[in-house]
Amino acid sequence: PPLDRIEVWLPGSAVPLAGGDTRPFSARLVAHRHHVFPVRLPPGEAVTLLLRVESQGAVVVPLRLWTTPA
């Protein structure tokens, strides 16, 4: 289902990474059919990421962490 607005908050960041179906495809940080956000995680360290999702319809958020080559 379409997700109207997505925000990913990284530790120490004052501004979230933004995405969603209400933004043009050309504004995506990664040109991909899914909503993909570039996130660098320090190896072996626990990190908390905050995710905010807003939509007019049903909200289903299947999350996956991928490596850059994937």
N, C-alpha and C. Protein backbone atom coordinates (compact mmCIF):
# COMPACT_ATOMS: atom_id res chain seq x y z
N PRO A 1 0.82 -1.20 0.00
CA PRO A 1 0.00 0.00 0.00
C PRO A 1 0.86 1.26 0.00
N PRO A 2 0.38 2.32 -0.60
CA PRO A 2 1.14 3.57 -0.63
C PRO A 2 1.30 4.14 0.77
N LEU A 3 2.47 4.69 1.02
CA LEU A 3 2.74 5.38 2.28
C LEU A 3 2.95 6.85 1.93
N ASP A 4 2.07 7.71 2.40
CA ASP A 4 2.08 9.11 2.00
C ASP A 4 3.34 9.85 2.44
N ARG A 5 3.74 9.63 3.69
CA ARG A 5 4.88 10.38 4.22
C ARG A 5 5.70 9.47 5.13
N ILE A 6 7.02 9.49 4.92
CA ILE A 6 7.93 8.67 5.71
C ILE A 6 9.07 9.57 6.19
N GLU A 7 9.40 9.43 7.46
CA GLU A 7 10.55 10.15 8.01
C GLU A 7 11.42 9.14 8.75
N VAL A 8 12.72 9.19 8.49
CA VAL A 8 13.68 8.35 9.20
C VAL A 8 14.60 9.29 9.96
N TRP A 9 14.60 9.15 11.27
CA TRP A 9 15.42 10.00 12.13
C TRP A 9 16.65 9.21 12.55
N LEU A 10 17.82 9.74 12.26
CA LEU A 10 19.08 9.12 12.60
C LEU A 10 19.62 9.73 13.89
N PRO A 11 20.40 8.98 14.66
CA PRO A 11 20.95 9.53 15.91
C PRO A 11 21.76 10.81 15.65
N GLY A 12 21.50 11.83 16.44
CA GLY A 12 22.24 13.07 16.35
C GLY A 12 21.84 13.98 15.21
N SER A 13 20.85 13.59 14.43
CA SER A 13 20.42 14.41 13.29
C SER A 13 19.24 15.29 13.69
N ALA A 14 19.29 16.56 13.28
CA ALA A 14 18.20 17.49 13.58
C ALA A 14 17.13 17.46 12.49
N VAL A 15 17.44 16.84 11.36
CA VAL A 15 16.52 16.79 10.22
C VAL A 15 16.38 15.34 9.76
N PRO A 16 15.14 14.86 9.55
CA PRO A 16 14.98 13.47 9.13
C PRO A 16 15.24 13.29 7.64
N LEU A 17 15.49 12.04 7.27
CA LEU A 17 15.46 11.66 5.85
C LEU A 17 13.98 11.55 5.50
N ALA A 18 13.55 12.16 4.42
CA ALA A 18 12.12 12.22 4.11
C ALA A 18 11.81 11.48 2.81
N GLY A 19 10.65 10.88 2.78
CA GLY A 19 10.18 10.19 1.58
C GLY A 19 8.68 9.99 1.65
N GLY A 20 8.18 9.20 0.73
CA GLY A 20 6.75 8.89 0.69
C GLY A 20 6.18 9.17 -0.69
N ASP A 21 4.96 8.70 -0.88
CA ASP A 21 4.29 8.81 -2.19
C ASP A 21 3.82 10.21 -2.53
N THR A 22 3.78 11.10 -1.56
CA THR A 22 3.36 12.47 -1.86
C THR A 22 4.50 13.30 -2.44
N ARG A 23 5.72 12.76 -2.39
CA ARG A 23 6.89 13.44 -2.95
C ARG A 23 7.16 12.89 -4.35
N PRO A 24 7.70 13.70 -5.24
CA PRO A 24 8.00 13.19 -6.59
C PRO A 24 9.11 12.13 -6.54
N PHE A 25 9.04 11.19 -7.46
CA PHE A 25 10.05 10.12 -7.52
C PHE A 25 11.45 10.71 -7.66
N SER A 26 11.58 11.80 -8.38
CA SER A 26 12.89 12.44 -8.59
C SER A 26 13.49 12.98 -7.29
N ALA A 27 12.68 13.14 -6.24
CA ALA A 27 13.18 13.66 -4.97
C ALA A 27 13.69 12.55 -4.05
N ARG A 28 13.54 11.29 -4.46
CA ARG A 28 13.99 10.19 -3.62
C ARG A 28 15.51 10.18 -3.51
N LEU A 29 16.00 9.84 -2.33
CA LEU A 29 17.43 9.77 -2.10
C LEU A 29 18.07 8.61 -2.85
N VAL A 30 17.30 7.54 -3.05
CA VAL A 30 17.74 6.38 -3.82
C VAL A 30 16.64 6.09 -4.84
N ALA A 31 16.99 6.08 -6.12
CA ALA A 31 16.00 5.82 -7.18
C ALA A 31 15.67 4.33 -7.19
N HIS A 32 14.64 3.96 -6.47
CA HIS A 32 14.24 2.56 -6.32
C HIS A 32 12.74 2.50 -6.21
N ARG A 33 12.14 1.38 -6.60
CA ARG A 33 10.68 1.28 -6.56
C ARG A 33 10.13 1.23 -5.14
N HIS A 34 10.98 0.81 -4.18
CA HIS A 34 10.61 0.83 -2.77
C HIS A 34 11.17 2.11 -2.15
N HIS A 35 10.68 2.43 -0.98
CA HIS A 35 11.21 3.59 -0.27
C HIS A 35 12.51 3.16 0.41
N VAL A 36 13.63 3.62 -0.13
CA VAL A 36 14.96 3.23 0.36
C VAL A 36 15.67 4.47 0.88
N PHE A 37 16.27 4.34 2.06
CA PHE A 37 16.99 5.45 2.67
C PHE A 37 18.42 5.02 2.96
N PRO A 38 19.41 5.82 2.58
CA PRO A 38 20.80 5.47 2.86
C PRO A 38 21.12 5.73 4.34
N VAL A 39 21.48 4.67 5.03
CA VAL A 39 21.79 4.77 6.46
C VAL A 39 23.10 4.04 6.70
N ARG A 40 24.05 4.70 7.33
CA ARG A 40 25.32 4.05 7.70
C ARG A 40 25.26 3.72 9.19
N LEU A 41 25.47 2.44 9.48
CA LEU A 41 25.46 1.99 10.87
C LEU A 41 26.86 1.57 11.28
N PRO A 42 27.31 1.99 12.46
CA PRO A 42 28.63 1.57 12.91
C PRO A 42 28.63 0.07 13.23
N PRO A 43 29.64 -0.67 12.76
CA PRO A 43 29.66 -2.11 12.99
C PRO A 43 29.78 -2.45 14.48
N GLY A 44 28.97 -3.41 14.91
CA GLY A 44 29.03 -3.90 16.28
C GLY A 44 28.46 -2.96 17.32
N GLU A 45 27.78 -1.93 16.91
CA GLU A 45 27.25 -0.94 17.85
C GLU A 45 25.73 -0.89 17.76
N ALA A 46 25.06 -0.84 18.90
CA ALA A 46 23.60 -0.72 18.92
C ALA A 46 23.21 0.71 18.59
N VAL A 47 22.27 0.86 17.66
CA VAL A 47 21.82 2.18 17.22
C VAL A 47 20.30 2.18 17.20
N THR A 48 19.71 3.27 17.66
CA THR A 48 18.25 3.43 17.60
C THR A 48 17.91 4.37 16.46
N LEU A 49 17.09 3.89 15.53
CA LEU A 49 16.56 4.71 14.44
C LEU A 49 15.08 4.92 14.71
N LEU A 50 14.59 6.11 14.46
CA LEU A 50 13.17 6.39 14.63
C LEU A 50 12.52 6.50 13.26
N LEU A 51 11.36 5.91 13.13
CA LEU A 51 10.64 5.91 11.86
C LEU A 51 9.24 6.46 12.11
N ARG A 52 8.84 7.41 11.28
CA ARG A 52 7.49 7.97 11.35
C ARG A 52 6.84 7.75 10.00
N VAL A 53 5.66 7.13 10.00
CA VAL A 53 4.94 6.84 8.76
C VAL A 53 3.53 7.38 8.88
N GLU A 54 3.09 8.07 7.84
CA GLU A 54 1.75 8.65 7.82
C GLU A 54 1.11 8.30 6.48
N SER A 55 -0.18 7.94 6.51
CA SER A 55 -0.87 7.61 5.27
C SER A 55 -2.38 7.76 5.45
N GLN A 56 -3.07 8.05 4.38
CA GLN A 56 -4.53 8.16 4.42
C GLN A 56 -5.18 6.78 4.47
N GLY A 57 -4.50 5.78 3.91
CA GLY A 57 -5.04 4.41 3.88
C GLY A 57 -4.40 3.54 4.94
N ALA A 58 -4.45 2.25 4.68
CA ALA A 58 -3.85 1.27 5.59
C ALA A 58 -2.34 1.49 5.67
N VAL A 59 -1.80 1.28 6.84
CA VAL A 59 -0.36 1.44 7.02
C VAL A 59 0.25 0.06 7.28
N VAL A 60 1.02 -0.41 6.31
CA VAL A 60 1.77 -1.66 6.43
C VAL A 60 3.22 -1.28 6.16
N VAL A 61 4.09 -1.55 7.11
CA VAL A 61 5.48 -1.10 6.99
C VAL A 61 6.42 -2.31 7.14
N PRO A 62 6.67 -3.02 6.06
CA PRO A 62 7.65 -4.10 6.14
C PRO A 62 9.06 -3.50 6.07
N LEU A 63 9.83 -3.67 7.13
CA LEU A 63 11.17 -3.08 7.19
C LEU A 63 12.24 -4.11 6.87
N ARG A 64 13.27 -3.65 6.19
CA ARG A 64 14.42 -4.49 5.87
C ARG A 64 15.67 -3.65 5.85
N LEU A 65 16.74 -4.16 6.41
CA LEU A 65 18.04 -3.52 6.29
C LEU A 65 18.80 -4.24 5.20
N TRP A 66 19.27 -3.48 4.23
CA TRP A 66 20.03 -4.05 3.11
C TRP A 66 21.45 -3.51 3.14
N THR A 67 22.35 -4.29 2.57
CA THR A 67 23.70 -3.79 2.35
C THR A 67 23.66 -2.92 1.09
N THR A 68 24.64 -2.08 0.91
CA THR A 68 24.67 -1.20 -0.26
C THR A 68 24.58 -1.98 -1.57
N PRO A 69 25.35 -3.07 -1.76
CA PRO A 69 25.24 -3.80 -3.03
C PRO A 69 23.85 -4.38 -3.30
N ALA A 70 23.12 -4.72 -2.25
CA ALA A 70 21.79 -5.30 -2.42
C ALA A 70 20.84 -4.28 -2.99
